[in-house]
Amino acid sequence: MCYISTRGSAPELDFAGAMMTGLARDGGLYIPREVPRMDRAAIAALAGLSYEETCLRVIRPFVGDTFAEAELRALIEAAYRGFGHAARAPLVQIGANHFLLELFHGPTLAFKDFAMALIGQMMQAVLARSGQRITIVGATSGDTGSAAIEAFRGLANVDVFILFPHGRVSEVQRRQMTTPTEDNVHAIALDGDFDDCQARLKDMFNDHAFRDEVGLAGVNSINWARVMAQIVYYFTAAVSLGAPHRKVNFTVPTGNFGDIFAGYIAREMGLPIDRLVIATNQNDILHRTLASGAHVLGRVTPSISPSMDIQVSSNFERVLFDAMGRDGAALSARMAALGRDGGFSLSAAELAFLRGIFDSGRADEAETRATIAATRAATGELLCPHSAVGVHVAASHQGAQPMVTLATAHPAKFPDAVEAATGIRPVLPERMAALFDRPERVTGVANDLGALEALVRARRRT
C-alpha cells in the first residue's frame, strides 16, 4: 500500500511512513494512491463479527507490510480492551428508521478514542522496532487532545504536547488533558481559537529544521492512520442495518471533516452508503461551501458545541483532491488562495462531484438546545451538543433508507449545556468520578511559533 500527498510533490510512503510523518513535507495530506475495495460477499461476511475482527478485515489492506496479521490483531485487541461497551460502537434507535451510533464508550468518552487508541498501539510498535524517539504535537478543539494524552501517556519513546484554545473547551475536556501526571504529556493553553492552534501546528511541521531536530510527529486528523481507524464503525453500523443488501445514510457532526471523510473512504471501498450528510453548528463553512460553491473563511463564533468551532477544515483538502481529479498542483494553488485571500470558489464540476455524495445542514444554538430537550423527552436519550447538531440536521434528510447519526461524545463532557436544555445534569461514568478532584498541570503560551518551539525544546525528554 502506497501513500501520496494531496499536493503532489512529497515522497510516496508506505503505511508506517505516512503514519509517523503525519503532514507531508510539501504541506499536503497523505492519502492512499488507490483505495482498496471490498466486494459484497466480503461485506456480508462481516455480519455478526466482533468490532475487533471487523476492524482487522477493514484496515488490513491499508497497512500493507507494516504489520503481520497476527501482530495487527494483537494491536487492535489491545486498543479496544479498555472500552466500556462490549459492542464498542453500539446502535440505538431514536426514531422511525433513525439510529444513533454511540461512539463515546472509550477511555475519554469521545469518538476520537477509536482512532487514538489504535494509533497509539501502532506507533509504539513501530518505535519499539527502531528504538526511535518522537515528539507528538497535536491541536485540539477539545476531544483529540484528551484522547491523544490517554493513548500515549507514560510511553518511553514519546513526548506529547497538546495545544488547545484557552477558555474554549469544556471543563471536562480541559481536565482530561491537564490532570494526567505522567511527565511525557503536556497540556498547552494557547491564546487563540482552534484554527490558531491548528495553524501553529502546521507551522511547526513546515519548519523542517525544527521538525527534524525534535522528531516531530502528528496525531491530528491530518494523520492518515486517524482517518483509517474511523472507517471501521461505518462498516459495523451499516452491516448491522442490512448492508450490503440495502443502502444506509449517515449524518456526521463535523468541523474538521475528518470523521465524515472516513465515511467517504468507506463508501469508496464499496460500503453501500447512499448519502453522507455534513452537520455543522453556527460555524458553518462546510455547509456554506456545499450550498454556494464558495469556500470562504468566516469568524469563529464560540458555541455550546465547541469541538466544531472551526473554519479551517483540514480534511476538506482530501476530498477536494478527488474532486479535482487528483491534481496536486491545482490543489496547492487553491490552498495558497485560502491562506492568501481567505477563500476560493469551486468549479461546476467540483461542486457537482461533492453534491453527488454529500448533503449538508446547520443547527444554531437554539436549535441545538431544542434538539437535546426534544430527544430526551421522546426517547430518554441525553445528547451532547455535537450529537444534537447531527440529530437536528438528520431530521431534514431522512427517507426510506436507514439514517445513522454519529453520537460523537458523552453528554457528561458538556454538562452545563445539557443541563440548561433538559434540567438534568449528566454524570461522568464511575471510572472518571475523581476527575474534578485531581490537580491540573497546564502551561499558557502566546499565539507565537517561536514561543511554542522553545517550549517543546525545553520540555521534551532527551
Foldseek 3Di string as FASTA:
>chain_A
DWKDFLQGDFDIDAQVVLQLLLQTLVRGFIDDPAQAADDQVRLLVCPPDALLVLLLVQCVVRRPVLDDSVLLSVLSCQLCVQFDDRNCFDWDDLDDLEIATLLQRHPLGFVLSLLQSSSLSSVLVVCVVVVAAAEEEEEALFPNQLSNCVSNAPRPRYAYEYEAAPPQFFPSSQLSQFFDDGLRGAYEHEPDHRVLSVVLVSVCSNVVVLCVVRVYGYDDLSRVSSLSSLLSVVSVVLSVQPPPVDEEEEEEEDAQCSNLVSVVSNVSNPTRHQAYEYFAEPLPQVQCCLVPQKRAFDDQDRALVRRNSHNNNRCVSVLLCVLVVSNSNVSVVQVVCCVVVRIDGHDPSSSCVCVSHYHYDYHYRVQLLQQQAVSCVSPVDGARSSQSSRVSTVVVVDDPHRYYYYRGGDNQSSQVSSCVSHVDGDDDPPVCNCSVVGDTHHHYDYSDSVGVSVVCVVSHDD
